[in-house]
Amino acid sequence: MPITKLEQIIEVLKERPKKRMAAAWANDAHTIAAAYEAVKIGIIDGILVGDKAVIEKTCQDHNIDSSVFTIIHADTDIKAATKAVDIINKGEADFLMKGLVTSDKYMKAILHKETGLMNPGAILSHVTVIEAPNYHKLLIVGDVAIIPLPDLSQKIAITNYVIKTAQILGIETPKVGILAISEQVLPKVASCVDAALIVKMAQRGQIKGGMVEGPLAMDLIVDKESAEIKGVKSEVCGDADCIVFPNIESGNVFYKTQTKMCGAELAAIVMGARVPCALSSRGDSEKTKLYSIALAAMLA
């Protein structure tokens, strides 16, 4: 059965062996509280890397039992991210989590050529699973946080990542909308041309596992009536499981509009490294961080 609510990911994980998580610069209350909740419900063992005194004080201030964690001291955010990645490379944890460290420093530790988590030629991308109150199913989208202006090869990787994530969530053949400014193939608009190429690749079996349609404007992706009015016939229209954005601005605006104005919940990870890496905004809620932990554990 497909997972239709983020909470269901946690329920599935309760029936599986626990995963081990290493959290980088886990000094803040939201990160610690989310990790604590994940440990309490039995889906992970938690390793917190950061300023030990600050972590223990934060736990004390929020009535959290710090003894449930393995705490590894690092006196700066950069050192914490490097140590957390090293824990992964030593096989002592199954996935990574971003704490209070900034995204650029977190990514730098993952991307480091000698000590990072990347295989040669791999493309790193951000995938978000959104539970929007005004949409009838989960939406798996990318990229909203890492690749500023993806080229065709990067868009192909993003398409494969959202399909893989959807399949892990139980959606056998996910419906993927490739977003552009128009449903027409406009030769002078790169997003339209790339979308048409990606769809043709999927039709020829070069991209597998999903029903891929594009170019599609946002109204067609999420609203079947709009597609009918415009004369576009596709099973993806109005029923998409996944959206591939043409650039980081469109993806990030969608992400933050959903969370800040529409009350959506989400889980956010990075794919393309040797292990999943939970990556939500430092300003995201404890619940978002918990769901991101759960999604990363699901993929690990």
Protein backbone atom coordinates (compact mmCIF):
# COMPACT_ATOMS: atom_id res chain seq x y z
CA MET A 1 0.00 0.00 0.00
CA PRO A 2 1.34 3.48 -0.85
CA ILE A 3 2.23 5.75 2.04
CA THR A 4 -0.15 8.73 1.94
CA LYS A 5 0.81 10.56 5.15
CA LEU A 6 4.26 11.33 6.57
CA GLU A 7 3.28 9.81 9.91
CA GLN A 8 2.89 6.45 8.14
CA ILE A 9 6.64 6.39 7.41
CA ILE A 10 7.26 6.21 11.14
CA GLU A 11 4.72 3.41 11.55
CA VAL A 12 6.45 1.38 8.82
CA LEU A 13 9.87 1.94 10.43
CA LYS A 14 8.65 0.69 13.80
CA GLU A 15 8.39 -2.77 12.23
CA ARG A 16 11.96 -2.68 10.88
CA PRO A 17 15.43 -2.87 12.48
CA LYS A 18 16.64 0.45 13.86
CA LYS A 19 19.02 2.61 11.82
CA ARG A 20 21.97 4.57 13.22
CA MET A 21 22.05 8.35 12.69
CA ALA A 22 24.93 10.80 12.98
CA ALA A 23 23.76 14.42 13.43
CA ALA A 24 26.21 17.21 12.56
CA TRP A 25 26.44 20.20 14.95
CA ALA A 26 23.43 18.97 16.90
CA ASN A 27 23.44 21.86 19.35
CA ASP A 28 19.91 23.19 18.86
CA ALA A 29 16.70 22.20 20.62
CA HIS A 30 14.77 21.25 17.45
CA THR A 31 17.45 18.83 16.22
CA ILE A 32 17.92 17.25 19.65
CA ALA A 33 14.18 16.98 20.33
CA ALA A 34 13.51 15.39 16.92
CA ALA A 35 16.36 12.93 17.43
CA TYR A 36 15.10 12.17 20.95
CA GLU A 37 11.60 11.45 19.65
CA ALA A 38 13.02 9.16 16.94
CA VAL A 39 15.05 7.28 19.57
CA LYS A 40 12.05 7.01 21.93
CA ILE A 41 9.75 5.54 19.30
CA GLY A 42 12.45 3.04 18.39
CA ILE A 43 13.38 3.87 14.81
CA ILE A 44 17.00 5.02 15.32
CA ASP A 45 20.01 5.06 17.57
CA GLY A 46 21.32 8.63 17.73
CA ILE A 47 24.86 9.98 17.62
CA LEU A 48 25.02 13.74 18.26
CA VAL A 49 28.18 15.51 17.12
CA GLY A 50 28.65 19.01 18.49
CA ASP A 51 29.58 21.04 21.54
CA LYS A 52 29.02 18.51 24.32
CA ALA A 53 28.39 21.10 27.03
CA VAL A 54 25.83 22.92 24.88
CA ILE A 55 24.09 19.67 23.92
CA GLU A 56 23.84 18.54 27.54
CA LYS A 57 22.60 21.98 28.67
CA THR A 58 19.99 22.03 25.88
CA CYS A 59 18.83 18.57 26.91
CA GLN A 60 18.57 19.68 30.53
CA ASP A 61 16.61 22.82 29.59
CA HIS A 62 14.08 20.78 27.60
CA ASN A 63 13.77 17.78 29.95
CA ILE A 64 15.50 15.44 27.49
CA ASP A 65 17.50 12.48 28.79
CA SER A 66 20.90 12.97 27.13
CA SER A 67 21.98 9.45 28.13
CA VAL A 68 19.96 7.97 25.24
CA PHE A 69 22.47 9.50 22.80
CA THR A 70 26.11 8.93 22.02
CA ILE A 71 27.55 12.46 22.21
CA ILE A 72 30.80 13.22 20.39
CA HIS A 73 32.41 16.58 21.09
CA ALA A 74 33.39 19.02 18.35
CA ASP A 75 34.08 22.65 19.14
CA THR A 76 33.09 24.14 15.75
CA ASP A 77 30.38 23.46 13.20
CA ILE A 78 32.89 22.58 10.47
CA LYS A 79 34.63 20.05 12.71
CA ALA A 80 31.26 18.59 13.69
CA ALA A 81 30.22 18.09 10.05
CA THR A 82 33.58 16.49 9.24
CA LYS A 83 33.39 14.16 12.26
CA ALA A 84 29.82 13.15 11.43
CA VAL A 85 30.83 12.24 7.87
CA ASP A 86 33.80 10.30 9.24
CA ILE A 87 31.42 8.29 11.45
CA ILE A 88 29.49 7.32 8.30
CA ASN A 89 32.67 6.38 6.45
CA LYS A 90 33.75 4.15 9.34
CA GLY A 91 30.44 2.27 9.10
CA GLU A 92 29.31 3.43 12.53
CA ALA A 93 26.11 5.11 11.27
CA ASP A 94 23.68 4.53 8.39
CA PHE A 95 22.70 8.09 7.54
CA LEU A 96 23.57 11.71 8.23
CA MET A 97 21.52 14.59 9.64
CA LYS A 98 22.05 18.33 9.43
CA GLY A 99 21.80 20.13 12.76
CA LEU A 100 22.49 23.83 13.29
CA VAL A 101 25.36 23.84 10.78
CA THR A 102 24.69 25.93 7.67
CA SER A 103 23.84 24.07 4.48
CA ASP A 104 27.01 25.17 2.67
CA LYS A 105 29.27 23.76 5.41
CA TYR A 106 27.18 20.58 5.63
CA MET A 107 27.44 20.13 1.86
CA LYS A 108 31.17 20.88 1.90
CA ALA A 109 31.75 17.98 4.30
CA ILE A 110 29.67 15.63 2.14
CA LEU A 111 31.34 16.74 -1.11
CA HIS A 112 34.96 16.69 0.12
CA LYS A 113 36.96 14.76 -2.48
CA GLU A 114 39.04 12.80 0.03
CA THR A 115 36.93 12.50 3.18
CA GLY A 116 33.37 13.02 1.90
CA LEU A 117 30.52 10.72 0.92
CA MET A 118 30.51 10.96 -2.86
CA ASN A 119 31.30 8.35 -5.50
CA PRO A 120 32.94 9.60 -8.72
CA GLY A 121 30.44 11.15 -11.10
CA ALA A 122 27.55 11.17 -8.61
CA ILE A 123 25.12 14.09 -8.63
CA LEU A 124 23.93 15.43 -5.29
CA SER A 125 20.35 16.67 -5.14
CA HIS A 126 17.69 17.63 -2.61
CA VAL A 127 14.40 15.71 -2.44
CA THR A 128 11.42 16.86 -0.39
CA VAL A 129 8.27 14.93 0.46
CA ILE A 130 5.41 17.37 1.11
CA GLU A 131 2.13 16.65 2.85
CA ALA A 132 0.04 19.59 1.65
CA PRO A 133 -3.41 20.12 3.20
CA ASN A 134 -4.83 21.22 -0.16
CA TYR A 135 -3.56 18.26 -2.23
CA HIS A 136 -4.91 14.72 -2.17
CA LYS A 137 -1.62 12.83 -1.83
CA LEU A 138 2.03 13.28 -0.92
CA LEU A 139 4.15 15.29 -3.36
CA ILE A 140 7.80 14.34 -3.92
CA VAL A 141 9.71 17.27 -5.38
CA GLY A 142 13.24 18.33 -6.34
CA ASP A 143 15.44 20.30 -6.36
CA VAL A 144 14.63 23.09 -3.92
CA ALA A 145 17.93 23.62 -2.10
CA ILE A 146 21.13 22.47 -3.80
CA ILE A 147 21.38 22.81 -7.60
CA PRO A 148 20.77 26.46 -8.65
CA LEU A 149 20.14 25.90 -12.35
CA PRO A 150 20.21 22.17 -13.20
CA ASP A 151 21.36 21.20 -16.67
CA LEU A 152 19.77 18.32 -18.55
CA SER A 153 21.94 15.63 -16.93
CA GLN A 154 21.15 17.00 -13.47
CA LYS A 155 17.42 17.14 -14.26
CA ILE A 156 17.60 13.50 -15.32
CA ALA A 157 19.26 12.66 -11.97
CA ILE A 158 16.58 14.62 -10.08
CA THR A 159 13.86 12.77 -12.00
CA ASN A 160 15.41 9.43 -11.07
CA TYR A 161 15.71 10.46 -7.40
CA VAL A 162 12.07 11.52 -7.06
CA ILE A 163 10.95 8.30 -8.77
CA LYS A 164 13.11 6.21 -6.42
CA THR A 165 11.78 8.03 -3.36
CA ALA A 166 8.18 7.58 -4.49
CA GLN A 167 8.74 3.87 -5.07
CA ILE A 168 10.24 3.45 -1.60
CA LEU A 169 7.05 5.08 -0.29
CA GLY A 170 5.07 2.33 -2.01
CA ILE A 171 4.04 4.12 -5.22
CA GLU A 172 4.68 1.46 -7.83
CA THR A 173 4.62 3.71 -10.92
CA PRO A 174 4.86 7.33 -9.77
CA LYS A 175 3.44 10.09 -11.96
CA VAL A 176 6.08 12.74 -12.60
CA GLY A 177 5.41 16.26 -13.87
CA ILE A 178 8.38 18.14 -15.38
CA LEU A 179 7.61 21.77 -14.57
CA ALA A 180 8.03 24.56 -17.12
CA ILE A 181 6.41 27.92 -17.89
CA SER A 182 4.05 26.31 -20.41
CA GLU A 183 2.69 22.98 -21.57
CA GLN A 184 3.88 23.85 -25.08
CA VAL A 185 7.34 22.86 -26.30
CA LEU A 186 8.81 26.33 -26.81
CA PRO A 187 12.21 26.05 -28.57
CA LYS A 188 13.55 29.26 -26.99
CA VAL A 189 12.65 28.22 -23.42
CA ALA A 190 15.22 25.80 -21.99
CA SER A 191 12.88 24.35 -19.35
CA CYS A 192 10.34 23.38 -22.04
CA VAL A 193 12.97 21.77 -24.28
CA ASP A 194 14.61 19.86 -21.40
CA ALA A 195 11.20 18.63 -20.24
CA ALA A 196 10.38 17.31 -23.71
CA LEU A 197 13.73 15.49 -23.87
CA ILE A 198 13.25 13.93 -20.44
CA VAL A 199 9.76 12.70 -21.42
CA LYS A 200 11.11 11.16 -24.63
CA MET A 201 13.91 9.47 -22.66
CA ALA A 202 11.32 7.98 -20.31
CA GLN A 203 9.29 6.76 -23.28
CA ARG A 204 12.39 5.08 -24.70
CA GLY A 205 13.22 3.40 -21.36
CA GLN A 206 16.26 5.54 -20.55
CA ILE A 207 14.47 6.75 -17.42
CA LYS A 208 12.68 3.87 -15.74
CA GLY A 209 9.94 3.34 -13.21
CA GLY A 210 7.74 6.39 -13.63
CA MET A 211 5.05 7.88 -15.85
CA VAL A 212 6.76 11.11 -16.93
CA GLU A 213 4.98 14.07 -18.54
CA GLY A 214 6.14 17.52 -19.59
CA PRO A 215 6.55 20.29 -20.16
CA LEU A 216 3.71 21.13 -17.79
CA ALA A 217 2.85 24.38 -16.04
CA MET A 218 2.05 24.11 -12.34
CA ASP A 219 -1.72 24.44 -12.79
CA LEU A 220 -1.78 21.36 -15.04
CA ILE A 221 0.40 19.32 -12.68
CA VAL A 222 -1.90 19.78 -9.67
CA ASP A 223 -5.31 20.50 -11.23
CA LYS A 224 -7.06 18.18 -13.69
CA GLU A 225 -9.70 20.75 -14.62
CA SER A 226 -6.99 23.15 -15.84
CA ALA A 227 -5.60 20.40 -18.08
CA GLU A 228 -9.06 19.65 -19.48
CA ILE A 229 -9.70 23.34 -20.23
CA LYS A 230 -6.35 23.59 -22.04
CA GLY A 231 -6.91 20.33 -23.91
CA VAL A 232 -3.98 18.44 -22.40
CA LYS A 233 -4.72 14.75 -21.89
CA SER A 234 -2.40 13.00 -19.45
CA GLU A 235 -2.81 10.77 -16.40
CA VAL A 236 -0.18 12.90 -14.68
CA CYS A 237 -2.24 16.11 -14.83
CA GLY A 238 -4.04 16.75 -11.57
CA ASP A 239 -2.68 13.56 -10.02
CA ALA A 240 1.11 13.98 -9.97
CA ASP A 241 3.16 12.20 -7.33
CA CYS A 242 6.36 14.05 -8.21
CA ILE A 243 7.44 17.45 -9.55
CA VAL A 244 10.83 18.26 -11.10
CA PHE A 245 11.57 22.00 -10.92
CA PRO A 246 13.53 23.84 -13.63
CA ASN A 247 15.55 25.92 -11.15
CA ILE A 248 16.14 26.44 -7.45
CA GLU A 249 14.06 29.63 -7.24
CA SER A 250 10.84 27.96 -8.37
CA GLY A 251 11.47 24.95 -6.15
CA ASN A 252 12.39 26.96 -3.07
CA VAL A 253 9.45 29.33 -3.40
CA PHE A 254 7.10 26.34 -3.71
CA TYR A 255 8.70 24.66 -0.66
CA LYS A 256 8.46 27.72 1.57
CA THR A 257 5.01 28.77 0.37
CA GLN A 258 3.72 25.31 1.23
CA THR A 259 5.22 25.35 4.73
CA LYS A 260 4.83 29.00 5.74
CA MET A 261 1.51 29.93 4.11
CA CYS A 262 -0.31 26.66 3.46
CA GLY A 263 0.50 24.71 6.64
CA ALA A 264 2.19 21.81 4.89
CA GLU A 265 4.40 19.29 6.67
CA LEU A 266 7.44 17.86 4.97
CA ALA A 267 10.49 15.63 5.07
CA ALA A 268 13.69 16.68 3.33
CA ILE A 269 16.81 14.75 2.39
CA VAL A 270 19.82 14.84 0.09
CA MET A 271 20.29 11.99 -2.38
CA GLY A 272 23.28 11.03 -4.49
CA ALA A 273 25.77 10.47 -1.66
CA ARG A 274 26.63 6.97 -0.44
CA VAL A 275 24.02 7.35 2.32
CA PRO A 276 20.89 9.50 2.65
CA CYS A 277 21.48 12.84 4.35
CA ALA A 278 18.60 14.56 6.15
CA LEU A 279 18.58 18.24 5.23
CA SER A 280 15.81 20.53 6.41
CA SER A 281 16.07 24.27 6.96
CA ARG A 282 17.49 25.43 10.29
CA GLY A 283 14.16 27.25 10.76
CA ASP A 284 12.01 24.16 10.16
CA SER A 285 9.94 22.67 12.95
CA GLU A 286 10.80 19.76 15.20
CA LYS A 287 8.15 17.70 13.40
CA THR A 288 9.75 18.42 10.00
CA LYS A 289 13.11 17.32 11.36
CA LEU A 290 11.55 14.13 12.76
CA TYR A 291 9.93 13.34 9.42
CA SER A 292 13.25 14.04 7.66
CA ILE A 293 14.98 11.59 10.01
CA ALA A 294 12.30 9.01 9.23
CA LEU A 295 12.58 9.48 5.47
CA ALA A 296 16.37 9.16 5.60
CA ALA A 297 16.03 6.00 7.73
CA MET A 298 13.52 4.63 5.20
CA LEU A 299 16.01 5.15 2.37
CA ALA A 300 19.12 4.02 4.28
